[in-house]
């Protein structure tokens, strides 16, 4: 089915400003991440990074998130980020490679759109791309020949929307926790991402929050995302909730996962020491 004109108009004309106000109103702030209360087996693991590729601990994290008006997540057939080229648009016949030549035509400098690959459950439909758009919190299924129309309707402020054959949608019903694991962009992310992904899955499962197709279809999905800036602050983690809000954290190690799940996911609290920004 296609979205009604009212929904499309809301999606197209929304700005990041109301979302920021909503986020600050609904989330409290705490300075420190809570200490773990149990060991999953790797809660206290510390990955070893190559020489010259250490994590930056001296610079403040706040406002290190890139300026983003909307964030488009593109499902891929990959199970992790190891095969993504350093720039995702270099992979042929992908959503990123198809939209890249159009970006200067369709994007407003004042309303930047970040396009990221994600490795969640694999999307295998060769005829349609599956994407999730935030803060709209909508999933779109887009035929290849409709990419430009989609971009003009949904990735530009104030565009005049109308129903388009070949673009189907549904509301996203799952929270997402995505960890930057773009190995070919920066190996620090590739090293720490698998540890964090496993730790989040174990902790969320213990709390009854992890997505399971049959047992918990409304649960939180955990996956890998391509480069989101700030690889010196690895691990980079973004939590997307079903209200369309996203919170960006940096310098996340496995021992911070329980705190993020308890404080941010369950209790709507921003952890200041990890906080990079939000959409």
C-alpha atoms as a PDB file:
ATOM      1  CA  UNK A   1       0.000   0.000   0.000  1.00  0.00           C
ATOM      2  CA  UNK A   2       1.029   3.618  -0.457  1.00  0.00           C
ATOM      3  CA  UNK A   3       1.058   6.325   2.201  1.00  0.00           C
ATOM      4  CA  UNK A   4      -1.737   8.824   2.267  1.00  0.00           C
ATOM      5  CA  UNK A   5      -0.985  12.402   1.166  1.00  0.00           C
ATOM      6  CA  UNK A   6      -1.212  13.494   4.807  1.00  0.00           C
ATOM      7  CA  UNK A   7       1.519  11.061   5.876  1.00  0.00           C
ATOM      8  CA  UNK A   8       3.693  11.984   2.909  1.00  0.00           C
ATOM      9  CA  UNK A   9       3.336  15.688   3.602  1.00  0.00           C
ATOM     10  CA  UNK A  10       4.335  15.157   7.228  1.00  0.00           C
ATOM     11  CA  UNK A  11       7.359  13.146   6.204  1.00  0.00           C
ATOM     12  CA  UNK A  12       8.478  15.672   3.615  1.00  0.00           C
ATOM     13  CA  UNK A  13       8.071  18.863   5.563  1.00  0.00           C
ATOM     14  CA  UNK A  14       9.270  17.699   8.977  1.00  0.00           C
ATOM     15  CA  UNK A  15      12.527  19.284  10.095  1.00  0.00           C
ATOM     16  CA  UNK A  16      15.084  18.086  12.593  1.00  0.00           C
ATOM     17  CA  UNK A  17      14.191  20.866  15.057  1.00  0.00           C
ATOM     18  CA  UNK A  18      10.912  19.434  16.447  1.00  0.00           C
ATOM     19  CA  UNK A  19      12.537  16.012  16.727  1.00  0.00           C
ATOM     20  CA  UNK A  20      15.392  17.439  18.815  1.00  0.00           C
ATOM     21  CA  UNK A  21      12.943  19.190  21.145  1.00  0.00           C
ATOM     22  CA  UNK A  22      10.902  16.019  21.504  1.00  0.00           C
ATOM     23  CA  UNK A  23      14.018  13.996  22.287  1.00  0.00           C
ATOM     24  CA  UNK A  24      15.258  16.400  24.950  1.00  0.00           C
ATOM     25  CA  UNK A  25      11.829  16.528  26.530  1.00  0.00           C
ATOM     26  CA  UNK A  26      11.298  12.765  26.682  1.00  0.00           C
ATOM     27  CA  UNK A  27      14.830  11.688  27.650  1.00  0.00           C
ATOM     28  CA  UNK A  28      16.547  12.578  30.894  1.00  0.00           C
ATOM     29  CA  UNK A  29      20.336  12.946  31.109  1.00  0.00           C
ATOM     30  CA  UNK A  30      22.827  11.150  33.336  1.00  0.00           C
ATOM     31  CA  UNK A  31      26.564  11.787  33.396  1.00  0.00           C
ATOM     32  CA  UNK A  32      27.987   8.270  33.609  1.00  0.00           C
ATOM     33  CA  UNK A  33      27.174   4.863  32.165  1.00  0.00           C
ATOM     34  CA  UNK A  34      26.076   2.333  34.758  1.00  0.00           C
ATOM     35  CA  UNK A  35      28.539  -0.449  35.617  1.00  0.00           C
ATOM     36  CA  UNK A  36      27.671  -4.006  34.501  1.00  0.00           C
ATOM     37  CA  UNK A  37      25.882  -6.244  36.971  1.00  0.00           C
ATOM     38  CA  UNK A  38      26.778  -9.561  35.291  1.00  0.00           C
ATOM     39  CA  UNK A  39      29.340 -10.999  32.893  1.00  0.00           C
ATOM     40  CA  UNK A  40      28.095 -12.507  29.630  1.00  0.00           C
ATOM     41  CA  UNK A  41      31.520 -14.023  29.012  1.00  0.00           C
ATOM     42  CA  UNK A  42      32.924 -11.055  27.129  1.00  0.00           C
ATOM     43  CA  UNK A  43      31.506  -8.091  29.041  1.00  0.00           C
ATOM     44  CA  UNK A  44      35.014  -7.055  30.065  1.00  0.00           C
ATOM     45  CA  UNK A  45      36.743  -7.879  26.763  1.00  0.00           C
ATOM     46  CA  UNK A  46      38.971  -5.105  25.415  1.00  0.00           C
ATOM     47  CA  UNK A  47      39.804  -5.414  21.718  1.00  0.00           C
ATOM     48  CA  UNK A  48      43.366  -4.894  20.538  1.00  0.00           C
ATOM     49  CA  UNK A  49      43.742  -2.207  17.878  1.00  0.00           C
ATOM     50  CA  UNK A  50      46.631  -1.894  15.402  1.00  0.00           C
ATOM     51  CA  UNK A  51      49.510   0.430  16.169  1.00  0.00           C
ATOM     52  CA  UNK A  52      48.599   3.991  15.271  1.00  0.00           C
ATOM     53  CA  UNK A  53      44.884   3.172  15.361  1.00  0.00           C
ATOM     54  CA  UNK A  54      44.066   3.781  19.000  1.00  0.00           C
ATOM     55  CA  UNK A  55      40.792   5.244  20.253  1.00  0.00           C
ATOM     56  CA  UNK A  56      40.628   8.995  20.884  1.00  0.00           C
ATOM     57  CA  UNK A  57      39.752   9.482  24.555  1.00  0.00           C
ATOM     58  CA  UNK A  58      40.807  13.102  25.003  1.00  0.00           C
ATOM     59  CA  UNK A  59      38.385  14.944  22.722  1.00  0.00           C
ATOM     60  CA  UNK A  60      34.810  15.592  23.883  1.00  0.00           C
ATOM     61  CA  UNK A  61      32.143  13.528  22.103  1.00  0.00           C
ATOM     62  CA  UNK A  62      29.232  15.960  22.221  1.00  0.00           C
ATOM     63  CA  UNK A  63      28.314  17.357  18.779  1.00  0.00           C
ATOM     64  CA  UNK A  64      30.706  15.050  16.908  1.00  0.00           C
ATOM     65  CA  UNK A  65      27.779  13.504  15.040  1.00  0.00           C
ATOM     66  CA  UNK A  66      27.626  14.734  11.423  1.00  0.00           C
ATOM     67  CA  UNK A  67      24.862  17.213  10.621  1.00  0.00           C
ATOM     68  CA  UNK A  68      21.982  15.081   9.366  1.00  0.00           C
ATOM     69  CA  UNK A  69      18.401  16.048   8.507  1.00  0.00           C
ATOM     70  CA  UNK A  70      17.293  12.551   7.556  1.00  0.00           C
ATOM     71  CA  UNK A  71      18.990   9.182   7.791  1.00  0.00           C
ATOM     72  CA  UNK A  72      18.284   6.529   5.170  1.00  0.00           C
ATOM     73  CA  UNK A  73      19.208   2.946   6.081  1.00  0.00           C
ATOM     74  CA  UNK A  74      19.583   0.555   3.158  1.00  0.00           C
ATOM     75  CA  UNK A  75      19.180  -3.158   3.781  1.00  0.00           C
ATOM     76  CA  UNK A  76      21.881  -5.276   2.116  1.00  0.00           C
ATOM     77  CA  UNK A  77      22.477  -8.975   1.530  1.00  0.00           C
ATOM     78  CA  UNK A  78      25.531  -8.882   3.798  1.00  0.00           C
ATOM     79  CA  UNK A  79      25.759 -10.365   7.283  1.00  0.00           C
ATOM     80  CA  UNK A  80      28.455  -7.866   8.346  1.00  0.00           C
ATOM     81  CA  UNK A  81      30.344  -4.877   6.957  1.00  0.00           C
ATOM     82  CA  UNK A  82      33.548  -6.632   5.944  1.00  0.00           C
ATOM     83  CA  UNK A  83      32.720  -6.719   2.227  1.00  0.00           C
ATOM     84  CA  UNK A  84      31.534  -3.132   1.865  1.00  0.00           C
ATOM     85  CA  UNK A  85      34.054  -1.023  -0.071  1.00  0.00           C
ATOM     86  CA  UNK A  86      35.492   2.017   1.692  1.00  0.00           C
ATOM     87  CA  UNK A  87      32.766   4.078   0.044  1.00  0.00           C
ATOM     88  CA  UNK A  88      29.490   2.186  -0.272  1.00  0.00           C
ATOM     89  CA  UNK A  89      28.602   3.852  -3.591  1.00  0.00           C
ATOM     90  CA  UNK A  90      31.566   2.039  -5.203  1.00  0.00           C
ATOM     91  CA  UNK A  91      29.751  -1.315  -4.981  1.00  0.00           C
ATOM     92  CA  UNK A  92      28.026  -1.773  -8.356  1.00  0.00           C
ATOM     93  CA  UNK A  93      24.272  -2.123  -8.812  1.00  0.00           C
ATOM     94  CA  UNK A  94      23.441  -1.122  -5.235  1.00  0.00           C
ATOM     95  CA  UNK A  95      21.085   1.534  -3.927  1.00  0.00           C
ATOM     96  CA  UNK A  96      24.064   3.700  -2.963  1.00  0.00           C
ATOM     97  CA  UNK A  97      25.664   3.438  -6.402  1.00  0.00           C
ATOM     98  CA  UNK A  98      22.369   4.273  -8.107  1.00  0.00           C
ATOM     99  CA  UNK A  99      21.523   7.298  -5.991  1.00  0.00           C
ATOM    100  CA  UNK A 100      25.032   8.760  -5.746  1.00  0.00           C
ATOM    101  CA  UNK A 101      25.013  10.479  -9.187  1.00  0.00           C
ATOM    102  CA  UNK A 102      21.698  12.136  -8.287  1.00  0.00           C
ATOM    103  CA  UNK A 103      22.673  13.557  -4.902  1.00  0.00           C
ATOM    104  CA  UNK A 104      23.754  16.999  -6.094  1.00  0.00           C
ATOM    105  CA  UNK A 105      20.473  17.375  -7.976  1.00  0.00           C
ATOM    106  CA  UNK A 106      18.142  16.260  -5.230  1.00  0.00           C
ATOM    107  CA  UNK A 107      19.726  17.278  -1.923  1.00  0.00           C
ATOM    108  CA  UNK A 108      19.554  20.630  -0.196  1.00  0.00           C
ATOM    109  CA  UNK A 109      22.803  21.709   1.519  1.00  0.00           C
ATOM    110  CA  UNK A 110      20.707  22.841   4.486  1.00  0.00           C
ATOM    111  CA  UNK A 111      18.954  19.468   4.713  1.00  0.00           C
ATOM    112  CA  UNK A 112      21.690  16.812   4.432  1.00  0.00           C
ATOM    113  CA  UNK A 113      20.663  13.186   4.106  1.00  0.00           C
ATOM    114  CA  UNK A 114      22.985  10.440   5.342  1.00  0.00           C
ATOM    115  CA  UNK A 115      22.695   7.188   3.376  1.00  0.00           C
ATOM    116  CA  UNK A 116      24.029   4.104   5.148  1.00  0.00           C
ATOM    117  CA  UNK A 117      24.197   0.399   4.418  1.00  0.00           C
ATOM    118  CA  UNK A 118      22.920  -1.870   7.177  1.00  0.00           C
ATOM    119  CA  UNK A 119      23.430  -5.567   7.785  1.00  0.00           C
ATOM    120  CA  UNK A 120      20.355  -6.779   9.617  1.00  0.00           C
ATOM    121  CA  UNK A 121      18.277  -9.642   8.279  1.00  0.00           C
ATOM    122  CA  UNK A 122      19.294 -10.121   4.645  1.00  0.00           C
ATOM    123  CA  UNK A 123      17.102  -8.554   1.954  1.00  0.00           C
ATOM    124  CA  UNK A 124      17.131 -10.836  -1.085  1.00  0.00           C
ATOM    125  CA  UNK A 125      14.499  -9.313  -3.413  1.00  0.00           C
ATOM    126  CA  UNK A 126      16.406  -8.554  -6.660  1.00  0.00           C
ATOM    127  CA  UNK A 127      13.638  -6.308  -7.962  1.00  0.00           C
ATOM    128  CA  UNK A 128      13.261  -3.906  -5.049  1.00  0.00           C
ATOM    129  CA  UNK A 129      15.462  -2.133  -2.531  1.00  0.00           C
ATOM    130  CA  UNK A 130      14.368  -2.064   1.106  1.00  0.00           C
ATOM    131  CA  UNK A 131      15.172   1.110   3.055  1.00  0.00           C
ATOM    132  CA  UNK A 132      14.184   2.646   6.399  1.00  0.00           C
ATOM    133  CA  UNK A 133      13.909   6.418   6.645  1.00  0.00           C
ATOM    134  CA  UNK A 134      14.413   8.274   9.937  1.00  0.00           C
ATOM    135  CA  UNK A 135      13.037  10.298  11.635  1.00  0.00           C
ATOM    136  CA  UNK A 136       9.953   9.300   9.581  1.00  0.00           C
ATOM    137  CA  UNK A 137      10.309   5.716  10.884  1.00  0.00           C
ATOM    138  CA  UNK A 138       8.929   4.249   7.660  1.00  0.00           C
ATOM    139  CA  UNK A 139      10.135   1.296   5.602  1.00  0.00           C
ATOM    140  CA  UNK A 140      10.014   1.720   1.818  1.00  0.00           C
ATOM    141  CA  UNK A 141      10.309  -0.893  -0.918  1.00  0.00           C
ATOM    142  CA  UNK A 142      11.626   0.821  -4.019  1.00  0.00           C
ATOM    143  CA  UNK A 143      11.980  -0.454  -7.554  1.00  0.00           C
ATOM    144  CA  UNK A 144      15.312   0.467  -9.136  1.00  0.00           C
ATOM    145  CA  UNK A 145      13.736   2.740 -11.730  1.00  0.00           C
ATOM    146  CA  UNK A 146      11.920   4.665  -8.968  1.00  0.00           C
ATOM    147  CA  UNK A 147      15.000   5.714  -6.978  1.00  0.00           C
ATOM    148  CA  UNK A 148      15.097   9.237  -8.395  1.00  0.00           C
ATOM    149  CA  UNK A 149      11.375   9.769  -7.814  1.00  0.00           C
ATOM    150  CA  UNK A 150      11.706   8.473  -4.261  1.00  0.00           C
ATOM    151  CA  UNK A 151      14.594  10.850  -3.585  1.00  0.00           C
ATOM    152  CA  UNK A 152      12.708  13.830  -4.988  1.00  0.00           C
ATOM    153  CA  UNK A 153       9.613  13.021  -2.922  1.00  0.00           C
ATOM    154  CA  UNK A 154      11.137  12.008   0.389  1.00  0.00           C
ATOM    155  CA  UNK A 155      14.676  13.354   0.595  1.00  0.00           C
ATOM    156  CA  UNK A 156      14.007  17.018  -0.220  1.00  0.00           C
ATOM    157  CA  UNK A 157      12.308  19.545   2.070  1.00  0.00           C
ATOM    158  CA  UNK A 158       8.940  20.834   0.922  1.00  0.00           C
ATOM    159  CA  UNK A 159       8.619  18.534  -2.087  1.00  0.00           C
ATOM    160  CA  UNK A 160       5.129  18.139  -3.542  1.00  0.00           C
ATOM    161  CA  UNK A 161       4.340  14.496  -2.801  1.00  0.00           C
ATOM    162  CA  UNK A 162       1.938  12.187  -4.567  1.00  0.00           C
ATOM    163  CA  UNK A 163       1.361   8.457  -4.762  1.00  0.00           C
ATOM    164  CA  UNK A 164       3.865   6.580  -6.900  1.00  0.00           C
ATOM    165  CA  UNK A 165       3.507   3.065  -8.311  1.00  0.00           C
ATOM    166  CA  UNK A 166       6.562   0.990  -7.486  1.00  0.00           C
ATOM    167  CA  UNK A 167       7.119   2.547  -4.047  1.00  0.00           C
ATOM    168  CA  UNK A 168       5.392   0.645  -1.226  1.00  0.00           C
ATOM    169  CA  UNK A 169       5.689   1.426   2.452  1.00  0.00           C
ATOM    170  CA  UNK A 170       4.993   0.196   5.949  1.00  0.00           C
ATOM    171  CA  UNK A 171       5.606   1.571   9.417  1.00  0.00           C
ATOM    172  CA  UNK A 172       8.773   0.361  11.097  1.00  0.00           C
ATOM    173  CA  UNK A 173       7.739  -1.552  14.229  1.00  0.00           C
ATOM    174  CA  UNK A 174      11.179  -2.392  15.640  1.00  0.00           C
ATOM    175  CA  UNK A 175      13.792  -0.476  17.554  1.00  0.00           C
ATOM    176  CA  UNK A 176      17.268  -0.794  16.052  1.00  0.00           C
ATOM    177  CA  UNK A 177      20.733  -0.848  17.581  1.00  0.00           C
ATOM    178  CA  UNK A 178      23.337  -0.432  14.855  1.00  0.00           C
ATOM    179  CA  UNK A 179      27.092  -0.596  15.359  1.00  0.00           C
ATOM    180  CA  UNK A 180      29.547   0.827  12.852  1.00  0.00           C
ATOM    181  CA  UNK A 181      31.462  -2.153  11.455  1.00  0.00           C
ATOM    182  CA  UNK A 182      32.696  -0.708   8.169  1.00  0.00           C
ATOM    183  CA  UNK A 183      36.014  -2.559   8.134  1.00  0.00           C
ATOM    184  CA  UNK A 184      37.368  -1.229   4.830  1.00  0.00           C
ATOM    185  CA  UNK A 185      36.703   2.370   5.934  1.00  0.00           C
ATOM    186  CA  UNK A 186      38.452   1.974   9.286  1.00  0.00           C
ATOM    187  CA  UNK A 187      39.613  -1.272  10.856  1.00  0.00           C
ATOM    188  CA  UNK A 188      38.925  -0.084  14.396  1.00  0.00           C
ATOM    189  CA  UNK A 189      35.209  -0.286  13.637  1.00  0.00           C
ATOM    190  CA  UNK A 190      35.627  -3.691  12.033  1.00  0.00           C
ATOM    191  CA  UNK A 191      37.459  -5.024  15.091  1.00  0.00           C
ATOM    192  CA  UNK A 192      35.083  -3.821  17.805  1.00  0.00           C
ATOM    193  CA  UNK A 193      31.726  -4.213  16.017  1.00  0.00           C
ATOM    194  CA  UNK A 194      31.426  -8.029  16.286  1.00  0.00           C
ATOM    195  CA  UNK A 195      32.127  -7.884  20.041  1.00  0.00           C
ATOM    196  CA  UNK A 196      29.505  -5.200  20.572  1.00  0.00           C
ATOM    197  CA  UNK A 197      26.924  -6.900  18.384  1.00  0.00           C
ATOM    198  CA  UNK A 198      27.218 -10.138  20.330  1.00  0.00           C
ATOM    199  CA  UNK A 199      27.132  -8.331  23.678  1.00  0.00           C
ATOM    200  CA  UNK A 200      24.019  -6.348  22.760  1.00  0.00           C
ATOM    201  CA  UNK A 201      22.279  -9.512  21.592  1.00  0.00           C
ATOM    202  CA  UNK A 202      23.097 -11.330  24.837  1.00  0.00           C
ATOM    203  CA  UNK A 203      22.031  -8.448  27.088  1.00  0.00           C
ATOM    204  CA  UNK A 204      18.848  -7.658  25.133  1.00  0.00           C
ATOM    205  CA  UNK A 205      17.917 -11.338  25.111  1.00  0.00           C
ATOM    206  CA  UNK A 206      18.389 -11.572  28.882  1.00  0.00           C
ATOM    207  CA  UNK A 207      16.072  -8.570  29.290  1.00  0.00           C
ATOM    208  CA  UNK A 208      13.462 -10.037  26.920  1.00  0.00           C
ATOM    209  CA  UNK A 209      13.999  -7.183  24.443  1.00  0.00           C
ATOM    210  CA  UNK A 210      15.757  -8.907  21.529  1.00  0.00           C
ATOM    211  CA  UNK A 211      13.896  -9.360  18.254  1.00  0.00           C
ATOM    212  CA  UNK A 212      12.814 -12.870  17.403  1.00  0.00           C
ATOM    213  CA  UNK A 213      10.616 -13.463  14.383  1.00  0.00           C
ATOM    214  CA  UNK A 214       8.352 -15.884  16.264  1.00  0.00           C
ATOM    215  CA  UNK A 215       8.806 -15.219  19.986  1.00  0.00           C
ATOM    216  CA  UNK A 216       9.317 -11.444  20.020  1.00  0.00           C
ATOM    217  CA  UNK A 217       8.469  -9.877  16.624  1.00  0.00           C
ATOM    218  CA  UNK A 218       8.301  -6.393  18.156  1.00  0.00           C
ATOM    219  CA  UNK A 219      11.753  -6.662  19.736  1.00  0.00           C
ATOM    220  CA  UNK A 220      14.925  -4.691  19.040  1.00  0.00           C
ATOM    221  CA  UNK A 221      17.046  -5.688  16.066  1.00  0.00           C
ATOM    222  CA  UNK A 222      20.839  -5.513  16.295  1.00  0.00           C
ATOM    223  CA  UNK A 223      23.040  -5.079  13.252  1.00  0.00           C
ATOM    224  CA  UNK A 224      25.993  -3.417  11.559  1.00  0.00           C
ATOM    225  CA  UNK A 225      25.982  -0.024   9.839  1.00  0.00           C
ATOM    226  CA  UNK A 226      28.426   1.541   7.379  1.00  0.00           C
ATOM    227  CA  UNK A 227      30.601   4.567   8.167  1.00  0.00           C
ATOM    228  CA  UNK A 228      28.832   7.227  10.246  1.00  0.00           C
ATOM    229  CA  UNK A 229      31.842   9.442  10.962  1.00  0.00           C
ATOM    230  CA  UNK A 230      34.152   9.504  13.959  1.00  0.00           C
ATOM    231  CA  UNK A 231      35.963   6.186  13.603  1.00  0.00           C
ATOM    232  CA  UNK A 232      38.477   7.478  16.154  1.00  0.00           C
ATOM    233  CA  UNK A 233      35.576   7.208  18.606  1.00  0.00           C
ATOM    234  CA  UNK A 234      34.862   3.515  17.960  1.00  0.00           C
ATOM    235  CA  UNK A 235      32.743   1.729  18.952  1.00  0.00           C
ATOM    236  CA  UNK A 236      30.088   3.895  17.403  1.00  0.00           C
ATOM    237  CA  UNK A 237      26.544   2.857  18.267  1.00  0.00           C
ATOM    238  CA  UNK A 238      23.217   4.357  17.173  1.00  0.00           C
ATOM    239  CA  UNK A 239      19.955   3.508  18.912  1.00  0.00           C
ATOM    240  CA  UNK A 240      16.828   4.137  16.803  1.00  0.00           C
ATOM    241  CA  UNK A 241      13.503   3.899  18.611  1.00  0.00           C
ATOM    242  CA  UNK A 242      10.072   3.467  17.051  1.00  0.00           C
ATOM    243  CA  UNK A 243       9.230   7.130  17.625  1.00  0.00           C
ATOM    244  CA  UNK A 244      11.789   7.931  14.907  1.00  0.00           C
ATOM    245  CA  UNK A 245      14.399   9.258  17.342  1.00  0.00           C
ATOM    246  CA  UNK A 246      18.047   8.242  17.218  1.00  0.00           C
ATOM    247  CA  UNK A 247      20.771   8.619  19.820  1.00  0.00           C
ATOM    248  CA  UNK A 248      24.417   8.401  18.768  1.00  0.00           C
ATOM    249  CA  UNK A 249      27.039   7.079  21.164  1.00  0.00           C
ATOM    250  CA  UNK A 250      30.814   6.785  20.834  1.00  0.00           C
ATOM    251  CA  UNK A 251      33.642   5.056  22.695  1.00  0.00           C
ATOM    252  CA  UNK A 252      31.320   2.158  23.467  1.00  0.00           C
ATOM    253  CA  UNK A 253      33.028  -0.989  24.728  1.00  0.00           C
ATOM    254  CA  UNK A 254      31.297  -4.214  25.807  1.00  0.00           C
ATOM    255  CA  UNK A 255      31.216  -3.119  29.448  1.00  0.00           C
ATOM    256  CA  UNK A 256      28.999  -0.155  28.449  1.00  0.00           C
ATOM    257  CA  UNK A 257      26.313  -2.291  26.797  1.00  0.00           C
ATOM    258  CA  UNK A 258      24.328  -3.154  29.940  1.00  0.00           C
ATOM    259  CA  UNK A 259      24.225   0.510  30.877  1.00  0.00           C
ATOM    260  CA  UNK A 260      22.989   1.549  27.419  1.00  0.00           C
ATOM    261  CA  UNK A 261      20.258  -1.095  27.455  1.00  0.00           C
ATOM    262  CA  UNK A 262      19.134  -0.256  30.990  1.00  0.00           C
ATOM    263  CA  UNK A 263      19.535   3.517  30.972  1.00  0.00           C
ATOM    264  CA  UNK A 264      18.799   4.499  27.372  1.00  0.00           C
ATOM    265  CA  UNK A 265      16.620   1.742  25.907  1.00  0.00           C
ATOM    266  CA  UNK A 266      14.568   0.871  28.974  1.00  0.00           C
ATOM    267  CA  UNK A 267      14.599   4.127  30.939  1.00  0.00           C
ATOM    268  CA  UNK A 268      14.967   6.852  28.278  1.00  0.00           C
ATOM    269  CA  UNK A 269      18.134   8.350  29.696  1.00  0.00           C
ATOM    270  CA  UNK A 270      20.949   9.876  27.631  1.00  0.00           C
ATOM    271  CA  UNK A 271      24.410   8.899  28.884  1.00  0.00           C
ATOM    272  CA  UNK A 272      26.452  12.076  28.657  1.00  0.00           C
ATOM    273  CA  UNK A 273      29.921  10.489  28.668  1.00  0.00           C
ATOM    274  CA  UNK A 274      29.074   8.506  25.496  1.00  0.00           C
ATOM    275  CA  UNK A 275      26.823  11.017  23.768  1.00  0.00           C
ATOM    276  CA  UNK A 276      27.690  12.236  20.243  1.00  0.00           C
ATOM    277  CA  UNK A 277      24.328  13.742  19.309  1.00  0.00           C
ATOM    278  CA  UNK A 278      20.908  12.836  17.971  1.00  0.00           C
ATOM    279  CA  UNK A 279      18.479  13.227  15.092  1.00  0.00           C
END
